[in-house]
Amino acid sequence: MIRVEELRDPAWERQTLEGEKQYTQFRVFRDMPNRQKRAVARHFGVSERTIAETAKNKLWDERAQRYDAHLEAVALAVTERNVRSDAAENQRRIKEVIEEEYKLWGEAMKKVRELLSMPADERTAVQSAANLLREAHRMGRLAVGLHTEGGKAEASSDKTRDSDLEAFLDSLAGGDTAPESEVPPVPPMPPAAAE
């Protein structure tokens, strides 16, 4: 008989003075979705009493619980690693969007200066281009969860994103369905985040 304090770590592995057959029986029990000693007895063609005694003497329930706790810890570690990886990827994308916005802002300011020097009748085509730029800006920020138009990042479903994309593509094809809202001011380029 094994006492709890005598269990070798990891407890779900073969223990001292546990025969191969007993360990195999335990592994079948340990790996069952609904652990039942009766099912183990049937599987090995032995009496339920024999399995019950072996399970008691070899602490099957305690060992199986420790195995469950181990699996839960492993699953949690994997989940945490995936969340950290996803967060890092999202931060990388946000940084790319911010850098691209900063470049576009500089280019847009040059164009605005050129526009101001143009005759009024030539400014209409530029207004359509500005609408397209505004929509591209909004969609880029939405794609990485950044604020748009001075508010919080909009939670959008795939359906909303698809309709936004269709409207944007329509505007590229010659329609003028892009929103006429004010473009929010672009702040100066933030310092690079410490990594």
Protein backbone atom coordinates (compact mmCIF):
# COMPACT_ATOMS: atom_id res chain seq x y z
CA MET A 1 0.00 0.00 0.00
CA ILE A 2 1.27 3.48 -0.91
CA ARG A 3 0.69 6.38 1.48
CA VAL A 4 0.07 9.87 0.12
CA GLU A 5 3.33 11.16 1.56
CA GLU A 6 5.19 8.34 -0.22
CA LEU A 7 3.99 9.30 -3.70
CA ARG A 8 6.85 10.02 -6.06
CA ASP A 9 6.48 13.00 -8.39
CA PRO A 10 4.92 13.00 -10.80
CA ALA A 11 2.26 11.04 -8.96
CA TRP A 12 0.56 9.91 -12.18
CA GLU A 13 3.69 8.04 -13.31
CA ARG A 14 4.64 4.52 -12.21
CA GLN A 15 5.37 4.39 -8.48
CA THR A 16 7.89 2.39 -6.48
CA LEU A 17 6.60 -1.13 -5.81
CA GLU A 18 3.90 -0.74 -8.45
CA GLY A 19 4.00 -3.58 -10.93
CA GLU A 20 3.70 -3.02 -14.68
CA LYS A 21 0.23 -4.61 -14.73
CA GLN A 22 -0.99 -2.41 -11.86
CA TYR A 23 0.42 0.69 -13.51
CA THR A 24 -1.23 -0.23 -16.82
CA GLN A 25 -4.55 -0.63 -14.99
CA PHE A 26 -4.05 2.76 -13.34
CA ARG A 27 -3.23 4.40 -16.70
CA VAL A 28 -6.46 3.06 -18.19
CA PHE A 29 -8.35 4.48 -15.20
CA ARG A 30 -6.43 7.80 -15.31
CA ASP A 31 -7.08 8.33 -19.02
CA MET A 32 -10.81 7.50 -18.94
CA PRO A 33 -13.15 10.46 -19.57
CA ASN A 34 -15.51 9.19 -16.81
CA ARG A 35 -13.29 7.29 -14.45
CA GLN A 36 -14.98 4.08 -13.32
CA LYS A 37 -13.20 1.26 -11.59
CA ARG A 38 -15.93 -1.12 -12.75
CA ALA A 39 -15.03 -0.35 -16.39
CA VAL A 40 -11.34 -1.00 -15.64
CA ALA A 41 -12.25 -4.38 -14.11
CA ARG A 42 -14.25 -5.31 -17.23
CA HIS A 43 -11.45 -4.09 -19.52
CA PHE A 44 -8.87 -6.33 -17.82
CA GLY A 45 -11.26 -9.22 -17.07
CA VAL A 46 -10.74 -9.09 -13.31
CA SER A 47 -13.15 -8.69 -10.43
CA GLU A 48 -14.33 -5.27 -9.34
CA ARG A 49 -13.11 -6.10 -5.83
CA THR A 50 -9.56 -6.71 -7.11
CA ILE A 51 -9.54 -3.36 -8.94
CA ALA A 52 -11.09 -1.56 -5.95
CA GLU A 53 -8.35 -2.93 -3.66
CA THR A 54 -5.59 -2.07 -6.13
CA ALA A 55 -7.03 1.43 -6.61
CA LYS A 56 -7.18 1.97 -2.85
CA ASN A 57 -3.69 0.58 -2.20
CA LYS A 58 -2.10 2.53 -5.08
CA LEU A 59 -4.06 5.77 -4.46
CA TRP A 60 -5.61 5.93 -7.91
CA ASP A 61 -8.06 8.73 -7.06
CA GLU A 62 -5.36 10.99 -5.54
CA ARG A 63 -2.98 10.33 -8.42
CA ALA A 64 -5.67 10.92 -11.05
CA GLN A 65 -6.59 14.23 -9.39
CA ARG A 66 -2.96 15.33 -9.49
CA TYR A 67 -2.84 14.33 -13.16
CA ASP A 68 -5.93 16.45 -13.84
CA ALA A 69 -4.33 19.41 -12.04
CA HIS A 70 -1.17 18.93 -14.13
CA LEU A 71 -3.14 18.88 -17.40
CA GLU A 72 -5.04 21.98 -16.34
CA ALA A 73 -1.76 23.79 -15.56
CA VAL A 74 -0.33 22.78 -18.95
CA ALA A 75 -3.47 23.97 -20.76
CA LEU A 76 -3.37 27.27 -18.86
CA ALA A 77 0.31 27.78 -19.73
CA VAL A 78 -0.44 27.16 -23.43
CA THR A 79 -3.37 29.58 -23.31
CA GLU A 80 -1.26 32.25 -21.60
CA ARG A 81 1.53 31.80 -24.16
CA ASN A 82 -0.97 32.14 -27.01
CA VAL A 83 -2.54 35.26 -25.47
CA ARG A 84 0.91 36.86 -25.04
CA SER A 85 1.81 35.97 -28.63
CA ASP A 86 -1.47 37.38 -29.95
CA ALA A 87 -1.00 40.56 -27.90
CA ALA A 88 2.54 41.02 -29.23
CA GLU A 89 1.32 40.53 -32.81
CA ASN A 90 -1.48 43.04 -32.25
CA GLN A 91 1.00 45.58 -30.82
CA ARG A 92 3.23 45.08 -33.87
CA ARG A 93 0.28 45.72 -36.18
CA ILE A 94 -0.79 48.81 -34.23
CA LYS A 95 2.74 50.18 -34.46
CA GLU A 96 2.74 49.58 -38.23
CA VAL A 97 -0.61 51.36 -38.62
CA ILE A 98 0.54 54.32 -36.54
CA GLU A 99 3.78 54.61 -38.52
CA GLU A 100 1.90 54.37 -41.82
CA GLU A 101 -0.63 56.98 -40.64
CA TYR A 102 2.20 59.30 -39.70
CA LYS A 103 3.75 58.95 -43.16
CA LEU A 104 0.38 59.49 -44.83
CA TRP A 105 -0.30 62.50 -42.63
CA GLY A 106 2.93 64.10 -43.81
CA GLU A 107 2.10 63.36 -47.46
CA ALA A 108 -1.46 64.60 -46.99
CA MET A 109 -0.23 67.87 -45.51
CA LYS A 110 1.94 68.43 -48.61
CA LYS A 111 -1.09 67.77 -50.82
CA VAL A 112 -3.26 70.14 -48.75
CA ARG A 113 -0.70 72.89 -49.30
CA GLU A 114 -0.76 72.15 -53.05
CA LEU A 115 -4.57 72.11 -53.01
CA LEU A 116 -4.76 75.50 -51.36
CA SER A 117 -2.75 76.95 -54.21
CA MET A 118 -5.10 75.44 -56.87
CA PRO A 119 -8.07 77.21 -58.45
CA ALA A 120 -11.40 76.35 -56.77
CA ASP A 121 -12.81 74.39 -59.75
CA GLU A 122 -9.88 71.92 -59.64
CA ARG A 123 -10.43 71.09 -55.96
CA THR A 124 -13.43 68.74 -56.51
CA ALA A 125 -11.34 65.74 -57.59
CA VAL A 126 -9.09 66.26 -54.61
CA GLN A 127 -12.13 66.19 -52.27
CA SER A 128 -13.01 62.69 -53.59
CA ALA A 129 -9.44 61.55 -52.93
CA ALA A 130 -9.65 63.01 -49.42
CA ASN A 131 -12.83 61.00 -48.79
CA LEU A 132 -11.05 57.83 -49.89
CA LEU A 133 -8.10 58.62 -47.63
CA ARG A 134 -10.47 59.25 -44.71
CA GLU A 135 -12.17 55.88 -45.22
CA ALA A 136 -8.84 54.03 -45.61
CA HIS A 137 -7.67 55.68 -42.38
CA ARG A 138 -10.82 54.59 -40.52
CA MET A 139 -10.68 51.01 -41.81
CA GLY A 140 -6.98 50.65 -41.00
CA ARG A 141 -7.57 51.78 -37.43
CA LEU A 142 -10.59 49.50 -37.03
CA ALA A 143 -8.60 46.54 -38.28
CA VAL A 144 -6.21 46.77 -35.33
CA GLY A 145 -8.70 47.97 -32.71
CA LEU A 146 -7.59 51.62 -32.54
CA HIS A 147 -9.89 54.56 -31.90
CA THR A 148 -11.69 56.06 -34.88
CA GLU A 149 -13.03 59.57 -35.27
CA GLY A 150 -12.23 60.56 -31.70
CA GLY A 151 -14.20 57.72 -30.07
CA LYS A 152 -13.52 54.21 -28.92
CA ALA A 153 -12.60 51.50 -31.37
CA GLU A 154 -15.79 50.24 -32.91
CA ALA A 155 -16.61 46.60 -32.28
CA SER A 156 -17.56 45.39 -35.72
CA SER A 157 -18.72 42.04 -36.90
CA ASP A 158 -17.46 40.41 -40.07
CA LYS A 159 -20.72 41.55 -41.70
CA THR A 160 -20.06 45.20 -40.76
CA ARG A 161 -16.46 44.97 -41.96
CA ASP A 162 -17.65 43.45 -45.25
CA SER A 163 -20.17 46.27 -45.83
CA ASP A 164 -17.49 48.86 -44.93
CA LEU A 165 -15.13 47.23 -47.41
CA GLU A 166 -17.82 47.17 -50.12
CA ALA A 167 -18.53 50.88 -49.57
CA PHE A 168 -14.82 51.63 -49.75
CA LEU A 169 -14.42 49.62 -52.96
CA ASP A 170 -17.49 51.35 -54.45
CA SER A 171 -15.87 54.68 -53.75
CA LEU A 172 -12.68 53.51 -55.46
CA ALA A 173 -14.72 52.44 -58.48
CA GLY A 174 -16.11 55.93 -58.93
CA GLY A 175 -19.01 56.17 -56.48
CA ASP A 176 -18.68 58.64 -53.67
CA THR A 177 -20.02 56.64 -50.72
CA ALA A 178 -17.20 57.43 -48.32
CA PRO A 179 -18.33 59.38 -45.21
CA GLU A 180 -17.97 63.13 -45.20
CA SER A 181 -16.97 63.35 -41.50
CA GLU A 182 -14.01 65.35 -40.28
CA VAL A 183 -10.67 63.58 -40.31
CA PRO A 184 -9.36 63.56 -36.73
CA PRO A 185 -6.06 65.33 -36.27
CA VAL A 186 -3.09 63.00 -36.35
CA PRO A 187 -0.88 63.48 -33.30
CA PRO A 188 2.90 63.69 -33.61
CA MET A 189 4.64 60.34 -34.00
CA PRO A 190 4.90 58.71 -30.56
CA PRO A 191 8.28 57.55 -29.30
CA ALA A 192 9.07 53.92 -30.09
CA ALA A 193 7.81 51.61 -27.34
CA ALA A 194 10.46 49.82 -25.33
CA GLU A 195 10.41 46.15 -26.20
